[in-house]
Amino acid sequence: MLPKATPRPALLLAKLAFAAAAAAISIMPTSAAASAGFPDKPVRLVLGFPPGGGVDVAARALGNVLGEELGQPVVIENIPGAGGNIATDRVAKSPGDGYTLLFGSIALSINPALYKSLTFDPLKQLRAVAWVSTSPYVLLANAQSGIDDVQELIAQVKSGKEIDYASAGNGSGSHLFMQQFADLAGIKMTHIPYRGAAPAMNDVLGNQVPVVFDSIMTTLPHIKAGKVKALGLSSVKKSVVAPDIPSLDELGIKGMDSTSWFIVFAPAATPDDIVLKLERSINKALSRPELKQRFADMGAEVVAGGSAEAQRFYQSEVAKWAKVVSATGVQLD
């Protein structure tokens, strides 16, 4: 049995209140002197995952076009490890000069509750620059599992049949999305954690485990090939790349509205005028049709949200996932 987690939502909500106050102060007018001539050298875009994965592909797609908008190269720096915490720590403690940015993912909203202690506080040491994109997770069942839809899955569990589900590991997005779904559906399934999304999906494809929740960015090829059945999306909004897949909300799982996302962050001390210049450059890059299509091909929808909108969304995500993590009873060292 995994050790019970110490509930932490109250602490995180207190941090959110502090962060909101700090954000209100940060929008006060500042001198444009800090951004004069910015950037005059390459900008680093750091991510906490290895080359070749979905996060890396998305970061490089943005970085290539952003470099053209800034007039300076955007260098992608992969610093994998500890669920993205090593990379986040590096950026959080970097100078606030706009030259070191974080390509943040949903892990950044989960980790404050998932890990017993962090060497940084993202709510205090980072500020959102621009909201890049969102993409839903999708509830999948092996095509030979006998589970044809969400109602069948729920009915089997409620009849007493033990149903296992795979995940990329304790506290991963696939674990927590399934936990949220199970709570809302009023069912309990057996969690089988793997060391990463690939081995989890392999066992679902082989029908060793019948169901999994995973990002549509990586699972769409398996859906199109008929190897797995898409039972429903995690978001209320339909996917632009898979419009025929219903949302779990419309299938009766009310309150299920979660997505994976990418947001660019900077150290909290970064001046407002530099953040504004970066925000405008990122969103101008995201407005290009070829980049929008590149993200759509990956199963993601471009948001191009501003700094304030991204910050509010991020704070709400930290609060939401703190409650889900607490319900799982999982904490990592």
C-alpha atoms as a PDB file:
ATOM      1  CA  MET A   1       0.000   0.000   0.000  1.00  0.00           C
ATOM      2  CA  LEU A   2       1.195   3.518  -0.749  1.00  0.00           C
ATOM      3  CA  PRO A   3       1.549   5.872   2.243  1.00  0.00           C
ATOM      4  CA  LYS A   4      -1.375   8.205   2.840  1.00  0.00           C
ATOM      5  CA  ALA A   5      -0.760  11.737   1.710  1.00  0.00           C
ATOM      6  CA  THR A   6      -0.939  14.584   4.166  1.00  0.00           C
ATOM      7  CA  PRO A   7      -3.734  16.863   2.865  1.00  0.00           C
ATOM      8  CA  ARG A   8      -2.192  20.046   1.503  1.00  0.00           C
ATOM      9  CA  PRO A   9      -4.948  21.941  -0.334  1.00  0.00           C
ATOM     10  CA  ALA A  10      -5.271  24.541   2.447  1.00  0.00           C
ATOM     11  CA  LEU A  11      -1.571  25.397   2.243  1.00  0.00           C
ATOM     12  CA  LEU A  12      -1.715  25.598  -1.537  1.00  0.00           C
ATOM     13  CA  LEU A  13      -4.799  27.817  -1.444  1.00  0.00           C
ATOM     14  CA  ALA A  14      -2.978  30.172   0.914  1.00  0.00           C
ATOM     15  CA  LYS A  15      -0.109  30.306  -1.565  1.00  0.00           C
ATOM     16  CA  LEU A  16      -2.588  31.045  -4.334  1.00  0.00           C
ATOM     17  CA  ALA A  17      -3.945  34.018  -2.397  1.00  0.00           C
ATOM     18  CA  PHE A  18      -0.408  35.338  -1.963  1.00  0.00           C
ATOM     19  CA  ALA A  19       0.337  34.799  -5.648  1.00  0.00           C
ATOM     20  CA  ALA A  20      -2.825  36.638  -6.669  1.00  0.00           C
ATOM     21  CA  ALA A  21      -1.827  39.628  -4.561  1.00  0.00           C
ATOM     22  CA  ALA A  22       1.655  39.580  -6.036  1.00  0.00           C
ATOM     23  CA  ALA A  23       0.221  39.411  -9.543  1.00  0.00           C
ATOM     24  CA  ALA A  24      -1.921  42.467  -8.851  1.00  0.00           C
ATOM     25  CA  ILE A  25       1.169  44.409  -7.836  1.00  0.00           C
ATOM     26  CA  SER A  26       3.119  43.174 -10.860  1.00  0.00           C
ATOM     27  CA  ILE A  27       0.785  44.818 -13.374  1.00  0.00           C
ATOM     28  CA  MET A  28       1.658  48.306 -12.162  1.00  0.00           C
ATOM     29  CA  PRO A  29       3.293  50.407 -14.867  1.00  0.00           C
ATOM     30  CA  THR A  30       7.053  50.075 -15.132  1.00  0.00           C
ATOM     31  CA  SER A  31       9.740  51.726 -17.179  1.00  0.00           C
ATOM     32  CA  ALA A  32      10.345  50.396 -20.654  1.00  0.00           C
ATOM     33  CA  ALA A  33      14.075  50.683 -20.063  1.00  0.00           C
ATOM     34  CA  ALA A  34      14.442  46.990 -19.178  1.00  0.00           C
ATOM     35  CA  SER A  35      13.219  45.848 -22.594  1.00  0.00           C
ATOM     36  CA  ALA A  36      15.249  48.354 -24.619  1.00  0.00           C
ATOM     37  CA  GLY A  37      17.262  46.249 -27.039  1.00  0.00           C
ATOM     38  CA  PHE A  38      15.809  42.998 -25.687  1.00  0.00           C
ATOM     39  CA  PRO A  39      16.701  40.413 -26.775  1.00  0.00           C
ATOM     40  CA  ASP A  40      20.264  40.957 -27.921  1.00  0.00           C
ATOM     41  CA  LYS A  41      21.347  37.327 -27.505  1.00  0.00           C
ATOM     42  CA  PRO A  42      19.759  33.845 -27.724  1.00  0.00           C
ATOM     43  CA  VAL A  43      16.867  32.987 -25.408  1.00  0.00           C
ATOM     44  CA  ARG A  44      16.821  29.617 -23.618  1.00  0.00           C
ATOM     45  CA  LEU A  45      13.543  27.690 -23.467  1.00  0.00           C
ATOM     46  CA  VAL A  46      13.965  25.012 -20.793  1.00  0.00           C
ATOM     47  CA  LEU A  47      11.799  21.918 -20.434  1.00  0.00           C
ATOM     48  CA  GLY A  48      11.874  19.107 -17.925  1.00  0.00           C
ATOM     49  CA  PHE A  49      11.542  16.191 -20.313  1.00  0.00           C
ATOM     50  CA  PRO A  50      13.901  14.378 -22.714  1.00  0.00           C
ATOM     51  CA  PRO A  51      14.180  14.976 -26.462  1.00  0.00           C
ATOM     52  CA  GLY A  52      11.702  13.265 -28.749  1.00  0.00           C
ATOM     53  CA  GLY A  53       8.601  13.282 -26.548  1.00  0.00           C
ATOM     54  CA  GLY A  54       5.454  15.342 -27.006  1.00  0.00           C
ATOM     55  CA  VAL A  55       6.606  18.200 -24.763  1.00  0.00           C
ATOM     56  CA  ASP A  56       9.908  18.430 -26.618  1.00  0.00           C
ATOM     57  CA  VAL A  57       8.272  18.402 -30.055  1.00  0.00           C
ATOM     58  CA  ALA A  58       5.858  21.171 -29.042  1.00  0.00           C
ATOM     59  CA  ALA A  59       8.624  23.300 -27.500  1.00  0.00           C
ATOM     60  CA  ARG A  60      10.777  23.025 -30.616  1.00  0.00           C
ATOM     61  CA  ALA A  61       7.855  23.867 -32.887  1.00  0.00           C
ATOM     62  CA  LEU A  62       7.219  27.049 -30.908  1.00  0.00           C
ATOM     63  CA  GLY A  63      10.904  27.865 -30.481  1.00  0.00           C
ATOM     64  CA  ASN A  64      11.635  27.825 -34.203  1.00  0.00           C
ATOM     65  CA  VAL A  65       8.939  30.383 -34.999  1.00  0.00           C
ATOM     66  CA  LEU A  66       9.455  32.438 -31.829  1.00  0.00           C
ATOM     67  CA  GLY A  67      13.095  32.916 -32.759  1.00  0.00           C
ATOM     68  CA  GLU A  68      11.988  34.572 -35.984  1.00  0.00           C
ATOM     69  CA  GLU A  69       9.664  36.918 -34.086  1.00  0.00           C
ATOM     70  CA  LEU A  70      12.320  37.871 -31.523  1.00  0.00           C
ATOM     71  CA  GLY A  71      15.134  38.197 -34.032  1.00  0.00           C
ATOM     72  CA  GLN A  72      17.300  35.920 -31.885  1.00  0.00           C
ATOM     73  CA  PRO A  73      17.613  32.123 -31.731  1.00  0.00           C
ATOM     74  CA  VAL A  74      15.505  30.271 -29.177  1.00  0.00           C
ATOM     75  CA  VAL A  75      17.625  27.422 -27.828  1.00  0.00           C
ATOM     76  CA  ILE A  76      15.733  24.406 -26.474  1.00  0.00           C
ATOM     77  CA  GLU A  77      17.365  22.987 -23.351  1.00  0.00           C
ATOM     78  CA  ASN A  78      16.196  19.582 -22.096  1.00  0.00           C
ATOM     79  CA  ILE A  79      16.765  19.022 -18.365  1.00  0.00           C
ATOM     80  CA  PRO A  80      14.792  15.845 -17.583  1.00  0.00           C
ATOM     81  CA  GLY A  81      14.296  14.329 -14.160  1.00  0.00           C
ATOM     82  CA  ALA A  82      12.023  14.341 -11.097  1.00  0.00           C
ATOM     83  CA  GLY A  83       8.862  14.954 -13.103  1.00  0.00           C
ATOM     84  CA  GLY A  84      10.170  18.241 -14.436  1.00  0.00           C
ATOM     85  CA  ASN A  85      11.266  19.589 -11.054  1.00  0.00           C
ATOM     86  CA  ILE A  86      14.971  19.888 -11.899  1.00  0.00           C
ATOM     87  CA  ALA A  87      14.239  22.083 -14.908  1.00  0.00           C
ATOM     88  CA  THR A  88      11.721  24.172 -12.981  1.00  0.00           C
ATOM     89  CA  ASP A  89      14.198  24.738 -10.158  1.00  0.00           C
ATOM     90  CA  ARG A  90      16.800  25.890 -12.677  1.00  0.00           C
ATOM     91  CA  VAL A  91      14.481  28.471 -14.232  1.00  0.00           C
ATOM     92  CA  ALA A  92      12.948  29.612 -10.935  1.00  0.00           C
ATOM     93  CA  LYS A  93      16.422  30.505  -9.654  1.00  0.00           C
ATOM     94  CA  SER A  94      17.671  32.096 -12.886  1.00  0.00           C
ATOM     95  CA  PRO A  95      18.056  35.864 -13.326  1.00  0.00           C
ATOM     96  CA  GLY A  96      14.818  37.616 -14.236  1.00  0.00           C
ATOM     97  CA  ASP A  97      16.165  39.046 -17.467  1.00  0.00           C
ATOM     98  CA  GLY A  98      13.954  37.252 -19.991  1.00  0.00           C
ATOM     99  CA  TYR A  99      16.724  35.061 -21.362  1.00  0.00           C
ATOM    100  CA  THR A 100      15.753  31.901 -19.448  1.00  0.00           C
ATOM    101  CA  LEU A 101      12.178  30.659 -19.850  1.00  0.00           C
ATOM    102  CA  LEU A 102      10.334  27.478 -18.863  1.00  0.00           C
ATOM    103  CA  PHE A 103       8.109  25.529 -21.227  1.00  0.00           C
ATOM    104  CA  GLY A 104       5.733  24.385 -18.504  1.00  0.00           C
ATOM    105  CA  SER A 105       3.269  21.511 -18.692  1.00  0.00           C
ATOM    106  CA  ILE A 106       0.475  20.189 -16.484  1.00  0.00           C
ATOM    107  CA  ALA A 107       3.119  18.555 -14.248  1.00  0.00           C
ATOM    108  CA  LEU A 108       3.883  22.032 -12.910  1.00  0.00           C
ATOM    109  CA  SER A 109       0.383  22.226 -11.410  1.00  0.00           C
ATOM    110  CA  ILE A 110       0.467  18.682  -9.993  1.00  0.00           C
ATOM    111  CA  ASN A 111       3.942  18.619  -8.452  1.00  0.00           C
ATOM    112  CA  PRO A 112       3.377  21.153  -5.625  1.00  0.00           C
ATOM    113  CA  ALA A 113       0.937  18.696  -4.013  1.00  0.00           C
ATOM    114  CA  LEU A 114       2.525  15.469  -5.243  1.00  0.00           C
ATOM    115  CA  TYR A 115       6.030  15.977  -3.845  1.00  0.00           C
ATOM    116  CA  LYS A 116       6.645  16.162  -0.108  1.00  0.00           C
ATOM    117  CA  SER A 117       9.108  18.978  -0.554  1.00  0.00           C
ATOM    118  CA  LEU A 118      10.262  21.069  -3.477  1.00  0.00           C
ATOM    119  CA  THR A 119      13.367  23.224  -3.754  1.00  0.00           C
ATOM    120  CA  PHE A 120      11.277  25.994  -5.318  1.00  0.00           C
ATOM    121  CA  ASP A 121       7.812  27.527  -5.046  1.00  0.00           C
ATOM    122  CA  PRO A 122       6.335  27.988  -8.525  1.00  0.00           C
ATOM    123  CA  LEU A 123       3.593  30.257  -7.237  1.00  0.00           C
ATOM    124  CA  LYS A 124       6.161  32.698  -5.859  1.00  0.00           C
ATOM    125  CA  GLN A 125       9.214  32.178  -8.061  1.00  0.00           C
ATOM    126  CA  LEU A 126       7.627  31.975 -11.508  1.00  0.00           C
ATOM    127  CA  ARG A 127       5.245  34.142 -13.498  1.00  0.00           C
ATOM    128  CA  ALA A 128       3.266  33.114 -16.551  1.00  0.00           C
ATOM    129  CA  VAL A 129       4.249  34.759 -19.833  1.00  0.00           C
ATOM    130  CA  ALA A 130       1.840  33.221 -22.354  1.00  0.00           C
ATOM    131  CA  TRP A 131      -0.616  30.334 -22.560  1.00  0.00           C
ATOM    132  CA  VAL A 132       0.425  28.269 -25.557  1.00  0.00           C
ATOM    133  CA  SER A 133      -2.055  25.423 -26.010  1.00  0.00           C
ATOM    134  CA  THR A 134      -4.362  22.834 -24.507  1.00  0.00           C
ATOM    135  CA  SER A 135      -5.139  19.242 -25.409  1.00  0.00           C
ATOM    136  CA  PRO A 136      -7.569  16.819 -23.781  1.00  0.00           C
ATOM    137  CA  TYR A 137      -6.874  13.421 -22.353  1.00  0.00           C
ATOM    138  CA  VAL A 138      -9.006  10.572 -23.643  1.00  0.00           C
ATOM    139  CA  LEU A 139     -10.371   7.528 -21.820  1.00  0.00           C
ATOM    140  CA  LEU A 140      -9.380   4.459 -23.832  1.00  0.00           C
ATOM    141  CA  ALA A 141     -10.289   0.774 -23.764  1.00  0.00           C
ATOM    142  CA  ASN A 142      -8.612  -2.051 -25.643  1.00  0.00           C
ATOM    143  CA  ALA A 143     -10.664  -2.938 -28.722  1.00  0.00           C
ATOM    144  CA  GLN A 144     -10.970  -6.568 -27.519  1.00  0.00           C
ATOM    145  CA  SER A 145     -11.784  -5.747 -23.887  1.00  0.00           C
ATOM    146  CA  GLY A 146     -15.556  -5.933 -24.231  1.00  0.00           C
ATOM    147  CA  ILE A 147     -15.845  -2.353 -22.993  1.00  0.00           C
ATOM    148  CA  ASP A 148     -17.610  -0.465 -25.766  1.00  0.00           C
ATOM    149  CA  ASP A 149     -18.559   2.742 -23.988  1.00  0.00           C
ATOM    150  CA  VAL A 150     -18.361   4.610 -20.692  1.00  0.00           C
ATOM    151  CA  GLN A 151     -21.690   3.243 -19.445  1.00  0.00           C
ATOM    152  CA  GLU A 152     -20.462  -0.323 -20.017  1.00  0.00           C
ATOM    153  CA  LEU A 153     -17.265   0.381 -18.069  1.00  0.00           C
ATOM    154  CA  ILE A 154     -19.187   1.844 -15.143  1.00  0.00           C
ATOM    155  CA  ALA A 155     -21.737  -0.989 -15.214  1.00  0.00           C
ATOM    156  CA  GLN A 156     -19.032  -3.663 -15.136  1.00  0.00           C
ATOM    157  CA  VAL A 157     -17.311  -2.069 -12.149  1.00  0.00           C
ATOM    158  CA  LYS A 158     -20.578  -1.579 -10.251  1.00  0.00           C
ATOM    159  CA  SER A 159     -21.546  -5.211 -10.913  1.00  0.00           C
ATOM    160  CA  GLY A 160     -18.506  -6.282  -8.917  1.00  0.00           C
ATOM    161  CA  LYS A 161     -16.079  -6.998 -11.740  1.00  0.00           C
ATOM    162  CA  GLU A 162     -12.540  -5.903 -10.920  1.00  0.00           C
ATOM    163  CA  ILE A 163     -11.239  -3.584 -13.633  1.00  0.00           C
ATOM    164  CA  ASP A 164      -7.577  -2.586 -13.766  1.00  0.00           C
ATOM    165  CA  TYR A 165      -6.325   0.604 -15.352  1.00  0.00           C
ATOM    166  CA  ALA A 166      -2.822   1.496 -16.475  1.00  0.00           C
ATOM    167  CA  SER A 167      -1.005   4.769 -15.874  1.00  0.00           C
ATOM    168  CA  ALA A 168       2.392   6.300 -16.558  1.00  0.00           C
ATOM    169  CA  GLY A 169       3.150   6.125 -12.833  1.00  0.00           C
ATOM    170  CA  ASN A 170       1.975   7.304  -9.432  1.00  0.00           C
ATOM    171  CA  GLY A 171       0.936  10.940  -9.624  1.00  0.00           C
ATOM    172  CA  SER A 172       1.183  11.087 -13.418  1.00  0.00           C
ATOM    173  CA  GLY A 173      -1.441  12.843 -15.504  1.00  0.00           C
ATOM    174  CA  SER A 174      -2.899   9.511 -16.608  1.00  0.00           C
ATOM    175  CA  HIS A 175      -3.227   8.458 -12.954  1.00  0.00           C
ATOM    176  CA  LEU A 176      -4.861  11.675 -11.775  1.00  0.00           C
ATOM    177  CA  PHE A 177      -7.227  12.048 -14.734  1.00  0.00           C
ATOM    178  CA  MET A 178      -8.484   8.508 -14.060  1.00  0.00           C
ATOM    179  CA  GLN A 179      -8.810   9.273 -10.347  1.00  0.00           C
ATOM    180  CA  GLN A 180     -10.907  12.328 -11.169  1.00  0.00           C
ATOM    181  CA  PHE A 181     -13.089  10.311 -13.554  1.00  0.00           C
ATOM    182  CA  ALA A 182     -13.583   7.474 -11.053  1.00  0.00           C
ATOM    183  CA  ASP A 183     -14.537   9.902  -8.274  1.00  0.00           C
ATOM    184  CA  LEU A 184     -17.111  11.633 -10.474  1.00  0.00           C
ATOM    185  CA  ALA A 185     -18.481   8.307 -11.755  1.00  0.00           C
ATOM    186  CA  GLY A 186     -18.687   6.858  -8.240  1.00  0.00           C
ATOM    187  CA  ILE A 187     -16.557   3.801  -9.001  1.00  0.00           C
ATOM    188  CA  LYS A 188     -13.262   2.277  -7.875  1.00  0.00           C
ATOM    189  CA  MET A 189     -10.786   0.534 -10.155  1.00  0.00           C
ATOM    190  CA  THR A 190      -7.374  -1.003  -9.506  1.00  0.00           C
ATOM    191  CA  HIS A 191      -4.438   1.221 -10.396  1.00  0.00           C
ATOM    192  CA  ILE A 192      -1.506  -0.419 -12.213  1.00  0.00           C
ATOM    193  CA  PRO A 193       1.328   2.135 -12.383  1.00  0.00           C
ATOM    194  CA  TYR A 194       4.059   1.768 -15.008  1.00  0.00           C
ATOM    195  CA  ARG A 195       7.389   3.478 -15.542  1.00  0.00           C
ATOM    196  CA  GLY A 196       6.180   5.856 -18.208  1.00  0.00           C
ATOM    197  CA  ALA A 197       3.348   6.237 -20.699  1.00  0.00           C
ATOM    198  CA  ALA A 198       4.824   3.986 -23.403  1.00  0.00           C
ATOM    199  CA  PRO A 199       4.894   0.724 -21.389  1.00  0.00           C
ATOM    200  CA  ALA A 200       1.448   1.499 -19.978  1.00  0.00           C
ATOM    201  CA  MET A 201       0.011   1.931 -23.460  1.00  0.00           C
ATOM    202  CA  ASN A 202       1.805  -1.194 -24.702  1.00  0.00           C
ATOM    203  CA  ASP A 203       0.014  -3.345 -22.131  1.00  0.00           C
ATOM    204  CA  VAL A 204      -3.333  -1.755 -22.982  1.00  0.00           C
ATOM    205  CA  LEU A 205      -2.693  -2.437 -26.672  1.00  0.00           C
ATOM    206  CA  GLY A 206      -1.896  -6.045 -25.729  1.00  0.00           C
ATOM    207  CA  ASN A 207      -5.047  -6.244 -23.556  1.00  0.00           C
ATOM    208  CA  GLN A 208      -3.058  -7.112 -20.439  1.00  0.00           C
ATOM    209  CA  VAL A 209      -4.781  -4.090 -18.896  1.00  0.00           C
ATOM    210  CA  PRO A 210      -8.139  -3.025 -20.349  1.00  0.00           C
ATOM    211  CA  VAL A 211      -8.271   0.757 -19.866  1.00  0.00           C
ATOM    212  CA  VAL A 212      -6.073   3.837 -19.648  1.00  0.00           C
ATOM    213  CA  PHE A 213      -6.409   7.618 -19.639  1.00  0.00           C
ATOM    214  CA  ASP A 214      -3.805   9.262 -21.859  1.00  0.00           C
ATOM    215  CA  SER A 215      -3.158  12.380 -23.894  1.00  0.00           C
ATOM    216  CA  ILE A 216      -4.815  12.537 -27.282  1.00  0.00           C
ATOM    217  CA  MET A 217      -1.501  13.939 -28.560  1.00  0.00           C
ATOM    218  CA  THR A 218       0.106  10.507 -28.278  1.00  0.00           C
ATOM    219  CA  THR A 219      -2.853   8.130 -28.610  1.00  0.00           C
ATOM    220  CA  LEU A 220      -4.601   9.418 -31.732  1.00  0.00           C
ATOM    221  CA  PRO A 221      -2.676   7.031 -34.058  1.00  0.00           C
ATOM    222  CA  HIS A 222      -3.844   4.027 -31.997  1.00  0.00           C
ATOM    223  CA  ILE A 223      -7.431   5.304 -32.090  1.00  0.00           C
ATOM    224  CA  LYS A 224      -7.333   5.765 -35.863  1.00  0.00           C
ATOM    225  CA  ALA A 225      -5.831   2.279 -36.278  1.00  0.00           C
ATOM    226  CA  GLY A 226      -8.722   0.742 -34.325  1.00  0.00           C
ATOM    227  CA  LYS A 227      -6.447  -0.752 -31.669  1.00  0.00           C
ATOM    228  CA  VAL A 228      -8.221   1.083 -28.853  1.00  0.00           C
ATOM    229  CA  LYS A 229     -11.690   2.562 -28.434  1.00  0.00           C
ATOM    230  CA  ALA A 230     -12.022   6.205 -27.439  1.00  0.00           C
ATOM    231  CA  LEU A 231     -14.699   6.246 -24.738  1.00  0.00           C
ATOM    232  CA  GLY A 232     -14.678   9.968 -24.022  1.00  0.00           C
ATOM    233  CA  LEU A 233     -12.658  13.161 -23.716  1.00  0.00           C
ATOM    234  CA  SER A 234     -11.596  14.711 -20.438  1.00  0.00           C
ATOM    235  CA  SER A 235     -12.593  18.212 -21.581  1.00  0.00           C
ATOM    236  CA  VAL A 236     -16.073  19.641 -22.094  1.00  0.00           C
ATOM    237  CA  LYS A 237     -14.873  21.229 -25.326  1.00  0.00           C
ATOM    238  CA  LYS A 238     -14.569  18.894 -28.300  1.00  0.00           C
ATOM    239  CA  SER A 239     -11.148  18.206 -29.796  1.00  0.00           C
ATOM    240  CA  VAL A 240     -10.373  19.948 -33.075  1.00  0.00           C
ATOM    241  CA  VAL A 241      -8.445  16.879 -34.233  1.00  0.00           C
ATOM    242  CA  ALA A 242     -11.012  14.280 -33.142  1.00  0.00           C
ATOM    243  CA  PRO A 243     -14.426  15.990 -33.241  1.00  0.00           C
ATOM    244  CA  ASP A 244     -16.311  12.681 -33.276  1.00  0.00           C
ATOM    245  CA  ILE A 245     -15.133  11.677 -29.797  1.00  0.00           C
ATOM    246  CA  PRO A 246     -17.759  12.741 -27.216  1.00  0.00           C
ATOM    247  CA  SER A 247     -16.854  14.500 -24.007  1.00  0.00           C
ATOM    248  CA  LEU A 248     -17.295  12.569 -20.770  1.00  0.00           C
ATOM    249  CA  ASP A 249     -19.374  15.488 -19.514  1.00  0.00           C
ATOM    250  CA  GLU A 250     -21.968  14.994 -22.254  1.00  0.00           C
ATOM    251  CA  LEU A 251     -21.949  11.263 -21.470  1.00  0.00           C
ATOM    252  CA  GLY A 252     -23.081  11.998 -17.926  1.00  0.00           C
ATOM    253  CA  ILE A 253     -19.791  12.453 -16.046  1.00  0.00           C
ATOM    254  CA  LYS A 254     -20.630  15.985 -14.948  1.00  0.00           C
ATOM    255  CA  GLY A 255     -17.735  18.097 -13.733  1.00  0.00           C
ATOM    256  CA  MET A 256     -15.142  16.304 -15.853  1.00  0.00           C
ATOM    257  CA  ASP A 257     -13.361  19.157 -17.586  1.00  0.00           C
ATOM    258  CA  SER A 258      -9.579  18.868 -17.478  1.00  0.00           C
ATOM    259  CA  THR A 259      -6.903  19.221 -20.126  1.00  0.00           C
ATOM    260  CA  SER A 260      -3.190  18.965 -20.591  1.00  0.00           C
ATOM    261  CA  TRP A 261      -1.561  22.305 -21.441  1.00  0.00           C
ATOM    262  CA  PHE A 262       1.606  24.236 -22.192  1.00  0.00           C
ATOM    263  CA  ILE A 263       2.411  27.640 -20.674  1.00  0.00           C
ATOM    264  CA  VAL A 264       5.646  29.598 -20.974  1.00  0.00           C
ATOM    265  CA  PHE A 265       6.932  30.883 -17.616  1.00  0.00           C
ATOM    266  CA  ALA A 266       9.692  33.280 -16.600  1.00  0.00           C
ATOM    267  CA  PRO A 267      11.398  33.906 -13.240  1.00  0.00           C
ATOM    268  CA  ALA A 268       9.131  36.027 -11.035  1.00  0.00           C
ATOM    269  CA  ALA A 269      11.578  38.948 -11.018  1.00  0.00           C
ATOM    270  CA  THR A 270      11.339  39.417 -14.793  1.00  0.00           C
ATOM    271  CA  PRO A 271      10.242  43.032 -15.486  1.00  0.00           C
ATOM    272  CA  ASP A 272       6.742  43.626 -16.821  1.00  0.00           C
ATOM    273  CA  ASP A 273       7.917  45.196 -20.068  1.00  0.00           C
ATOM    274  CA  ILE A 274      10.087  42.191 -20.933  1.00  0.00           C
ATOM    275  CA  VAL A 275       7.212  39.831 -20.092  1.00  0.00           C
ATOM    276  CA  LEU A 276       4.934  41.904 -22.323  1.00  0.00           C
ATOM    277  CA  LYS A 277       7.408  41.776 -25.200  1.00  0.00           C
ATOM    278  CA  LEU A 278       7.761  38.008 -24.833  1.00  0.00           C
ATOM    279  CA  GLU A 279       3.996  37.553 -24.529  1.00  0.00           C
ATOM    280  CA  ARG A 280       3.343  39.508 -27.720  1.00  0.00           C
ATOM    281  CA  SER A 281       6.092  37.688 -29.611  1.00  0.00           C
ATOM    282  CA  ILE A 282       4.870  34.253 -28.501  1.00  0.00           C
ATOM    283  CA  ASN A 283       1.267  35.012 -29.383  1.00  0.00           C
ATOM    284  CA  LYS A 284       2.283  36.472 -32.732  1.00  0.00           C
ATOM    285  CA  ALA A 285       4.173  33.248 -33.430  1.00  0.00           C
ATOM    286  CA  LEU A 286       1.132  31.206 -32.395  1.00  0.00           C
ATOM    287  CA  SER A 287      -1.070  33.182 -34.787  1.00  0.00           C
ATOM    288  CA  ARG A 288       0.849  31.827 -37.771  1.00  0.00           C
ATOM    289  CA  PRO A 289      -1.266  29.250 -39.639  1.00  0.00           C
ATOM    290  CA  GLU A 290       1.639  26.849 -40.080  1.00  0.00           C
ATOM    291  CA  LEU A 291       2.312  26.721 -36.330  1.00  0.00           C
ATOM    292  CA  LYS A 292      -1.383  26.330 -35.517  1.00  0.00           C
ATOM    293  CA  GLN A 293      -1.482  23.405 -37.932  1.00  0.00           C
ATOM    294  CA  ARG A 294       1.640  21.892 -36.395  1.00  0.00           C
ATOM    295  CA  PHE A 295      -0.008  21.911 -32.972  1.00  0.00           C
ATOM    296  CA  ALA A 296      -3.259  20.551 -34.436  1.00  0.00           C
ATOM    297  CA  ASP A 297      -1.299  17.680 -35.971  1.00  0.00           C
ATOM    298  CA  MET A 298      -0.089  16.881 -32.447  1.00  0.00           C
ATOM    299  CA  GLY A 299      -3.653  16.918 -31.085  1.00  0.00           C
ATOM    300  CA  ALA A 300      -3.328  20.315 -29.411  1.00  0.00           C
ATOM    301  CA  GLU A 301      -5.294  23.518 -29.862  1.00  0.00           C
ATOM    302  CA  VAL A 302      -3.490  26.860 -29.762  1.00  0.00           C
ATOM    303  CA  VAL A 303      -4.764  29.236 -27.057  1.00  0.00           C
ATOM    304  CA  ALA A 304      -2.430  32.239 -27.448  1.00  0.00           C
ATOM    305  CA  GLY A 305      -3.518  33.531 -24.041  1.00  0.00           C
ATOM    306  CA  GLY A 306      -1.911  36.522 -22.364  1.00  0.00           C
ATOM    307  CA  SER A 307       0.176  36.603 -19.204  1.00  0.00           C
ATOM    308  CA  ALA A 308      -2.641  37.522 -16.807  1.00  0.00           C
ATOM    309  CA  GLU A 309      -5.028  34.922 -18.241  1.00  0.00           C
ATOM    310  CA  ALA A 310      -2.325  32.243 -18.110  1.00  0.00           C
ATOM    311  CA  GLN A 311      -1.472  33.109 -14.499  1.00  0.00           C
ATOM    312  CA  ARG A 312      -5.107  32.872 -13.377  1.00  0.00           C
ATOM    313  CA  PHE A 313      -5.531  29.550 -15.157  1.00  0.00           C
ATOM    314  CA  TYR A 314      -2.331  28.156 -13.657  1.00  0.00           C
ATOM    315  CA  GLN A 315      -3.365  29.118 -10.132  1.00  0.00           C
ATOM    316  CA  SER A 316      -6.749  27.411 -10.605  1.00  0.00           C
ATOM    317  CA  GLU A 317      -4.975  24.288 -11.869  1.00  0.00           C
ATOM    318  CA  VAL A 318      -2.740  24.103  -8.786  1.00  0.00           C
ATOM    319  CA  ALA A 319      -5.810  24.306  -6.535  1.00  0.00           C
ATOM    320  CA  LYS A 320      -7.752  21.694  -8.532  1.00  0.00           C
ATOM    321  CA  TRP A 321      -5.002  19.095  -8.717  1.00  0.00           C
ATOM    322  CA  ALA A 322      -4.117  19.508  -5.039  1.00  0.00           C
ATOM    323  CA  LYS A 323      -7.538  18.074  -4.195  1.00  0.00           C
ATOM    324  CA  VAL A 324      -7.191  15.194  -6.659  1.00  0.00           C
ATOM    325  CA  VAL A 325      -3.682  14.318  -5.437  1.00  0.00           C
ATOM    326  CA  SER A 326      -4.919  14.320  -1.845  1.00  0.00           C
ATOM    327  CA  ALA A 327      -7.692  11.873  -2.798  1.00  0.00           C
ATOM    328  CA  THR A 328      -5.164   9.410  -4.244  1.00  0.00           C
ATOM    329  CA  GLY A 329      -3.137   9.224  -1.040  1.00  0.00           C
ATOM    330  CA  VAL A 330       0.078   9.481  -3.058  1.00  0.00           C
ATOM    331  CA  GLN A 331       3.125  11.556  -2.220  1.00  0.00           C
ATOM    332  CA  LEU A 332       6.621  11.293  -3.629  1.00  0.00           C
ATOM    333  CA  ASP A 333       9.963  12.151  -2.062  1.00  0.00           C
END
